[in-house]
Protein backbone atom coordinates (compact mmCIF):
# COMPACT_ATOMS: atom_id res chain seq x y z
CA UNK A 1 18.60 24.60 112.20
CA UNK A 2 15.96 22.71 109.71
CA UNK A 3 13.31 24.58 108.21
CA UNK A 4 9.94 24.11 109.99
CA UNK A 5 7.57 21.41 108.65
CA UNK A 6 4.67 22.21 106.59
CA UNK A 7 2.03 23.77 108.76
CA UNK A 8 -1.76 24.02 107.68
CA UNK A 9 -1.80 27.60 108.84
CA UNK A 10 0.54 28.53 105.89
CA UNK A 11 -2.62 27.95 103.49
CA UNK A 12 -4.09 31.20 104.71
CA UNK A 13 -1.36 33.33 106.18
CA UNK A 14 1.81 34.56 104.26
CA UNK A 15 5.10 33.76 105.63
CA UNK A 16 5.71 37.23 106.54
CA UNK A 17 2.80 37.22 108.95
CA UNK A 18 3.94 34.16 110.78
CA UNK A 19 6.20 33.76 113.98
CA UNK A 20 9.09 31.44 114.08
CA UNK A 21 9.53 29.63 117.35
CA UNK A 22 12.91 28.25 118.12
CA UNK A 23 12.99 25.68 120.86
CA UNK A 24 16.65 25.27 122.33
CA UNK A 25 15.64 23.19 125.47
CA UNK A 26 15.24 24.15 129.01
CA UNK A 27 12.91 23.33 131.98
CA UNK A 28 9.79 24.19 129.78
CA UNK A 29 10.30 21.17 127.80
CA UNK A 30 11.22 18.64 130.44
CA UNK A 31 8.99 15.83 131.31
CA UNK A 32 8.84 13.71 134.49
CA UNK A 33 10.34 10.31 134.22
CA UNK A 34 11.25 7.66 137.06
CA UNK A 35 14.69 9.20 137.45
CA UNK A 36 13.51 12.77 137.58
CA UNK A 37 12.96 15.49 134.81
CA UNK A 38 14.75 15.06 131.66
CA UNK A 39 14.26 16.90 128.10
CA UNK A 40 11.28 15.77 126.28
CA UNK A 41 10.64 15.39 122.61
CA UNK A 42 7.94 16.59 120.19
CA UNK A 43 7.78 20.10 121.58
CA UNK A 44 5.52 21.22 118.53
CA UNK A 45 2.60 19.03 119.37
CA UNK A 46 2.95 19.66 123.09
CA UNK A 47 2.93 23.50 122.69
CA UNK A 48 0.03 23.24 120.36
CA UNK A 49 -1.93 21.07 122.96
CA UNK A 50 -0.93 23.60 125.52
CA UNK A 51 -2.16 26.67 123.77
CA UNK A 52 -5.51 24.80 123.06
CA UNK A 53 -6.15 25.25 126.72
CA UNK A 54 -6.63 28.91 126.29
CA UNK A 55 -9.98 30.51 126.48
CA UNK A 56 -11.47 30.48 122.76
CA UNK A 57 -11.05 34.28 122.37
CA UNK A 58 -7.40 34.12 123.33
CA UNK A 59 -6.63 31.32 121.04
CA UNK A 60 -8.27 33.18 118.10
CA UNK A 61 -6.15 36.11 118.80
CA UNK A 62 -2.83 34.13 118.67
CA UNK A 63 -0.50 34.73 115.60
CA UNK A 64 0.16 31.96 113.22
CA UNK A 65 3.55 30.20 114.22
CA UNK A 66 5.82 27.50 113.25
CA UNK A 67 8.25 25.65 115.49
CA UNK A 68 11.64 24.31 114.91
CA UNK A 69 13.64 22.31 117.70
CA UNK A 70 17.36 22.08 117.87
CA UNK A 71 18.61 18.60 117.31
CA UNK A 72 20.56 18.70 120.39
CA UNK A 73 18.59 20.39 123.09
CA UNK A 74 20.81 22.18 125.83
CA UNK A 75 20.49 22.92 129.30
CA UNK A 76 21.14 26.76 129.42
CA UNK A 77 23.64 26.39 132.24
CA UNK A 78 25.73 24.75 129.50
CA UNK A 79 25.33 27.63 127.08
CA UNK A 80 28.43 29.27 125.68
CA UNK A 81 29.26 32.20 123.30
CA UNK A 82 28.86 29.64 120.38
CA UNK A 83 25.28 28.95 121.55
CA UNK A 84 24.67 32.71 121.25
CA UNK A 85 26.34 32.92 117.76
CA UNK A 86 24.09 29.87 116.45
CA UNK A 87 20.97 31.69 117.58
CA UNK A 88 21.88 35.03 115.91
CA UNK A 89 22.83 33.38 112.60
CA UNK A 90 19.77 31.15 112.64
CA UNK A 91 17.61 34.38 112.98
CA UNK A 92 19.71 36.04 110.30
CA UNK A 93 19.13 33.28 107.92
CA UNK A 94 15.39 33.43 108.51
CA UNK A 95 14.79 37.00 108.98
CA UNK A 96 12.93 37.90 106.03
CA UNK A 97 10.68 34.79 106.10
CA UNK A 98 9.11 35.72 109.44
CA UNK A 99 7.34 38.54 111.08
CA UNK A 100 9.11 37.89 114.39
CA UNK A 101 10.74 35.31 116.35
CA UNK A 102 10.27 33.47 119.95
CA UNK A 103 13.30 31.86 121.28
CA UNK A 104 12.56 29.23 124.10
CA UNK A 105 15.33 28.85 126.39
CA UNK A 106 16.31 27.67 129.85
CA UNK A 107 16.14 30.36 132.57
CA UNK A 108 19.55 29.91 133.96
CA UNK A 109 21.23 31.67 131.24
CA UNK A 110 18.32 33.14 129.49
CA UNK A 111 19.38 36.78 130.15
CA UNK A 112 22.87 36.20 128.89
CA UNK A 113 21.64 34.90 125.61
CA UNK A 114 19.22 37.84 125.28
CA UNK A 115 21.96 40.29 125.99
CA UNK A 116 24.16 38.84 123.42
CA UNK A 117 21.70 38.70 120.82
CA UNK A 118 20.99 42.34 121.13
CA UNK A 119 24.47 43.14 120.22
CA UNK A 120 24.51 40.65 117.34
CA UNK A 121 21.27 41.76 115.92
CA UNK A 122 21.75 45.58 116.06
CA UNK A 123 19.31 47.68 114.11
CA UNK A 124 16.72 44.75 114.21
CA UNK A 125 13.43 45.72 112.56
CA UNK A 126 11.23 43.19 113.96
CA UNK A 127 10.53 41.46 117.32
CA UNK A 128 12.79 38.71 118.90
CA UNK A 129 11.23 37.53 122.13
CA UNK A 130 13.07 35.14 124.65
CA UNK A 131 11.15 33.10 126.93
CA UNK A 132 11.12 30.00 129.35
CA UNK A 133 9.44 28.89 132.38
CA UNK A 134 10.24 27.93 135.86
CA UNK A 135 8.39 24.64 135.70
CA UNK A 136 7.80 22.11 132.74
CA UNK A 137 4.92 22.67 130.29
CA UNK A 138 2.80 19.91 131.37
CA UNK A 139 3.21 20.46 135.27
CA UNK A 140 0.30 21.54 137.24
CA UNK A 141 0.32 25.33 137.91
CA UNK A 142 3.03 25.86 135.55
CA UNK A 143 4.01 29.36 134.31
CA UNK A 144 4.89 27.80 130.76
CA UNK A 145 1.67 28.47 129.23
CA UNK A 146 1.35 32.10 130.04
CA UNK A 147 4.82 32.77 129.17
CA UNK A 148 4.40 31.33 125.81
CA UNK A 149 1.12 33.01 125.03
CA UNK A 150 2.71 36.31 125.88
CA UNK A 151 5.75 35.68 123.99
CA UNK A 152 3.72 34.95 120.83
CA UNK A 153 1.58 38.05 121.35
CA UNK A 154 4.47 40.31 121.75
CA UNK A 155 6.50 38.67 118.96
CA UNK A 156 3.51 39.62 116.55
CA UNK A 157 3.84 43.38 117.51
CA UNK A 158 5.87 44.98 114.53
CA UNK A 159 6.63 48.22 116.56
CA UNK A 160 8.74 46.13 118.94
CA UNK A 161 12.04 46.08 116.98
CA UNK A 162 14.50 44.69 119.44
CA UNK A 163 15.49 41.59 121.62
CA UNK A 164 13.47 41.25 124.71
CA UNK A 165 12.30 38.75 127.34
CA UNK A 166 8.85 38.03 128.13
CA UNK A 167 8.30 36.58 131.47
CA UNK A 168 5.50 36.52 134.39
CA UNK A 169 3.61 39.20 132.53
CA UNK A 170 6.39 41.55 131.85
CA UNK A 171 8.24 42.48 128.61
CA UNK A 172 11.90 43.43 129.44
CA UNK A 173 14.70 44.77 127.41
CA UNK A 174 17.00 41.80 126.73
CA UNK A 175 20.20 43.94 127.39
CA UNK A 176 18.86 45.18 130.62
CA UNK A 177 17.43 42.07 132.31
CA UNK A 178 18.81 39.72 135.14
CA UNK A 179 17.46 36.73 136.57
CA UNK A 180 16.70 37.64 140.14
CA UNK A 181 15.05 34.63 141.71
CA UNK A 182 16.04 30.82 141.45
CA UNK A 183 12.48 29.63 142.29
CA UNK A 184 9.64 32.36 141.97
CA UNK A 185 7.61 32.57 138.77
CA UNK A 186 8.74 36.41 138.25
CA UNK A 187 12.25 35.28 137.89
CA UNK A 188 13.43 38.28 136.02
CA UNK A 189 13.91 41.83 136.50
CA UNK A 190 15.07 44.95 134.64
CA UNK A 191 16.63 46.85 137.65
CA UNK A 192 17.97 50.02 135.79
CA UNK A 193 15.18 50.30 132.97
CA UNK A 194 11.43 50.46 132.81
CA UNK A 195 9.27 47.60 131.30
CA UNK A 196 9.04 47.52 127.48
CA UNK A 197 5.58 46.15 127.88
CA UNK A 198 3.17 44.05 130.14
CA UNK A 199 0.15 42.05 130.24
CA UNK A 200 -2.79 44.03 131.50
CA UNK A 201 -5.89 41.83 131.93
CA UNK A 202 -6.18 39.99 128.51
CA UNK A 203 -4.27 42.82 126.67
CA UNK A 204 -0.62 42.79 125.77
CA UNK A 205 0.58 46.57 126.01
CA UNK A 206 3.82 47.49 124.50
CA UNK A 207 5.22 51.01 125.39
CA UNK A 208 6.84 52.58 122.18
CA UNK A 209 8.45 55.42 123.91
CA UNK A 210 10.53 52.97 125.96
CA UNK A 211 11.65 50.91 122.72
CA UNK A 212 14.43 51.16 120.32
CA UNK A 213 12.21 51.09 117.24
CA UNK A 214 11.82 55.02 117.54
CA UNK A 215 15.47 55.30 117.35
CA UNK A 216 16.42 53.15 114.69
CA UNK A 217 16.68 54.01 111.00
CA UNK A 218 17.34 52.10 107.97
CA UNK A 219 18.09 48.29 107.29
CA UNK A 220 19.42 45.90 109.99
CA UNK A 221 23.13 46.14 110.64
CA UNK A 222 23.83 42.96 112.10
CA UNK A 223 27.19 42.23 113.44
CA UNK A 224 27.79 38.39 113.26
CA UNK A 225 31.68 38.06 114.33
CA UNK A 226 33.07 34.60 114.84
CA UNK A 227 32.70 33.90 118.45
CA UNK A 228 35.15 30.95 118.66
CA UNK A 229 37.55 33.86 119.47
CA UNK A 230 35.85 34.38 122.82
CA UNK A 231 34.82 30.91 123.60
CA UNK A 232 37.71 29.51 125.71
CA UNK A 233 37.73 31.69 128.66
CA UNK A 234 39.19 34.81 127.02
CA UNK A 235 37.01 37.14 129.23
CA UNK A 236 37.11 36.76 132.98
CA UNK A 237 34.44 38.11 135.47
CA UNK A 238 35.88 38.99 138.98
CA UNK A 239 33.74 40.12 141.70
CA UNK A 240 35.49 41.90 144.58
CA UNK A 241 35.50 40.39 147.95
CA UNK A 242 36.97 41.74 151.38
CA UNK A 243 40.45 40.85 151.58
CA UNK A 244 41.20 40.47 147.81
CA UNK A 245 44.96 40.50 147.03
CA UNK A 246 46.89 41.90 144.16
CA UNK A 247 48.43 38.33 143.69
CA UNK A 248 44.91 37.07 143.15
CA UNK A 249 44.06 39.58 140.52
CA UNK A 250 47.15 39.05 138.89
CA UNK A 251 46.46 35.29 138.63
CA UNK A 252 43.64 36.08 136.42
CA UNK A 253 44.99 39.09 134.45
CA UNK A 254 48.44 38.08 133.59
CA UNK A 255 47.34 35.08 131.71
CA UNK A 256 48.29 35.57 128.17
CA UNK A 257 45.01 34.02 126.92
CA UNK A 258 42.91 36.62 128.76
CA UNK A 259 41.77 39.35 126.46
CA UNK A 260 39.35 41.16 128.65
CA UNK A 261 37.84 41.38 132.12
CA UNK A 262 34.65 42.49 133.87
CA UNK A 263 35.29 43.71 137.26
CA UNK A 264 32.42 44.05 139.87
CA UNK A 265 33.18 46.66 142.36
CA UNK A 266 31.59 47.81 145.63
CA UNK A 267 28.98 50.58 145.63
CA UNK A 268 29.57 53.20 142.97
CA UNK A 269 32.89 51.92 141.88
CA UNK A 270 35.25 51.34 145.01
CA UNK A 271 37.97 48.89 145.59
CA UNK A 272 40.44 48.36 148.33
CA UNK A 273 43.01 51.17 148.90
CA UNK A 274 45.83 48.95 147.81
CA UNK A 275 48.10 50.55 145.14
CA UNK A 276 49.41 46.90 144.00
CA UNK A 277 45.67 46.35 142.71
CA UNK A 278 45.80 49.42 140.62
CA UNK A 279 49.11 48.44 139.35
CA UNK A 280 48.03 44.97 138.25
CA UNK A 281 44.93 46.77 136.41
CA UNK A 282 47.20 49.29 134.79
CA UNK A 283 49.53 46.64 133.50
CA UNK A 284 46.82 44.64 132.08
CA UNK A 285 45.30 47.54 130.40
CA UNK A 286 48.60 48.45 129.02
CA UNK A 287 49.10 45.03 127.56
CA UNK A 288 45.84 45.84 125.42
CA UNK A 289 43.43 43.93 127.59
CA UNK A 290 39.74 45.38 127.66
CA UNK A 291 38.98 46.11 131.32
CA UNK A 292 35.50 47.22 132.32
CA UNK A 293 33.91 47.94 135.80
CA UNK A 294 30.21 47.90 137.12
CA UNK A 295 28.90 47.71 140.44
CA UNK A 296 28.09 44.65 142.55
CA UNK A 297 24.77 46.37 143.31
CA UNK A 298 21.99 45.20 141.00
CA UNK A 299 20.59 48.70 140.98
CA UNK A 300 22.47 52.03 140.38
CA UNK A 301 25.67 53.21 138.44
CA UNK A 302 29.47 53.03 139.12
CA UNK A 303 30.97 56.53 139.02
CA UNK A 304 34.71 55.75 138.98
CA UNK A 305 36.81 58.26 141.09
CA UNK A 306 33.78 59.80 143.11
CA UNK A 307 35.25 58.13 146.19
CA UNK A 308 38.94 58.12 147.22
CA UNK A 309 38.65 54.25 147.24
CA UNK A 310 37.95 54.25 143.59
CA UNK A 311 40.36 57.11 142.62
CA UNK A 312 42.86 55.85 139.90
CA UNK A 313 40.67 53.34 138.20
CA UNK A 314 40.32 55.66 135.23
CA UNK A 315 44.00 56.27 135.04
CA UNK A 316 44.59 52.37 135.10
CA UNK A 317 42.63 52.11 131.96
CA UNK A 318 39.32 50.65 133.42
CA UNK A 319 36.27 51.57 131.58
CA UNK A 320 32.97 52.34 133.54
CA UNK A 321 30.18 50.33 132.89
CA UNK A 322 27.48 52.69 134.19
CA UNK A 323 24.48 50.84 134.94
CA UNK A 324 24.85 47.93 133.03
CA UNK A 325 23.92 44.46 134.27
CA UNK A 326 26.62 41.84 134.42
CA UNK A 327 25.07 39.98 131.41
CA UNK A 328 25.09 43.08 129.33
CA UNK A 329 28.59 44.19 130.17
CA UNK A 330 30.19 40.62 129.71
CA UNK A 331 28.39 39.94 126.46
CA UNK A 332 29.62 43.28 125.10
CA UNK A 333 32.99 42.67 125.89
CA UNK A 334 32.82 39.37 124.29
CA UNK A 335 31.10 40.95 121.25
CA UNK A 336 33.81 43.73 120.92
CA UNK A 337 36.73 41.43 121.48
CA UNK A 338 35.33 38.97 118.66
CA UNK A 339 35.69 41.62 115.98
CA UNK A 340 39.03 42.85 114.22
CA UNK A 341 38.54 46.16 115.96
CA UNK A 342 41.72 48.58 117.38
CA UNK A 343 41.78 48.55 121.15
CA UNK A 344 40.72 52.41 121.00
CA UNK A 345 37.73 51.30 118.92
CA UNK A 346 36.85 48.68 121.31
CA UNK A 347 37.14 51.06 124.10
CA UNK A 348 35.10 53.79 122.37
CA UNK A 349 32.27 51.25 121.46
CA UNK A 350 32.21 49.85 125.08
CA UNK A 351 31.41 53.34 126.21
CA UNK A 352 28.83 54.03 123.64
CA UNK A 353 25.31 52.89 124.11
CA UNK A 354 24.64 50.37 121.31
CA UNK A 355 21.31 48.85 122.00
CA UNK A 356 19.92 50.70 124.88
CA UNK A 357 22.23 48.63 127.32
CA UNK A 358 23.38 51.73 129.17
């Protein structure tokens, strides 16, 4: 990532008071062409033009900011763990030069990136706000301007000290969010944790009692492991379906390349009453693979063994993911497996809340 170009705002504002906007791609920056929507360039100028459409009082309340664009813009559906790693390292490299960060990202995997960044940037002492839009910046009635405006406002609040998502007037914890709608403007939700903040009229209100800022002490303790270790499908995600058979589960888990698996079970943690399924899980766990389970339901928690249909999962070495989102559970497995930890340390850290994700 290149340093941002010179900005006239720098004359009157110290770098420690500015926001760095990192543009990675996504629908927000696309433009209409004869063959359809495709990524557009010069996002710095286009963003400034859009913000100039705000009422004067709102323009005057904006923090100073600079924009950098990735040389190769990505469709977020093509994001990988290496994408998450690059963003975390870029923020780490620029951390002390800016008061906060806004990451502009495609919506398809925006919540996955936010969750991963939360684990990599543990102990964060300033805001990192991820946003995007459901329609391009210049489209009539686009949600892009409102999302950019709100993300900048929350990125300027020093009391926000974690990775968050701003979308459709709501500030969500990055490690608690899911994309819930493929078309609506309020595409993101935080099913098991309250909002960190929200827009109320023209005010952007942060709720500090819900944030990590009150819980953290000392300097940032970033963990920036090599995600190349988990970038070739080493972690699998398996959602149960009626009629799943042991041989199907074994086809995933017996592969020597697989290091971990996220299981999505029915209800509070149920699976079919089939001993061979538990045998497959126990064998994989005994081989040192990190197995965790969450519910297929977007709200609520798993409680392994409460029902007879889930009895035996604990004995098979499956870890309960409580009320974690699929994004938070999967990226946590990736983060732990990318580090030189013992299996017992990996298991213990998975069960421990690291960034308010469970």
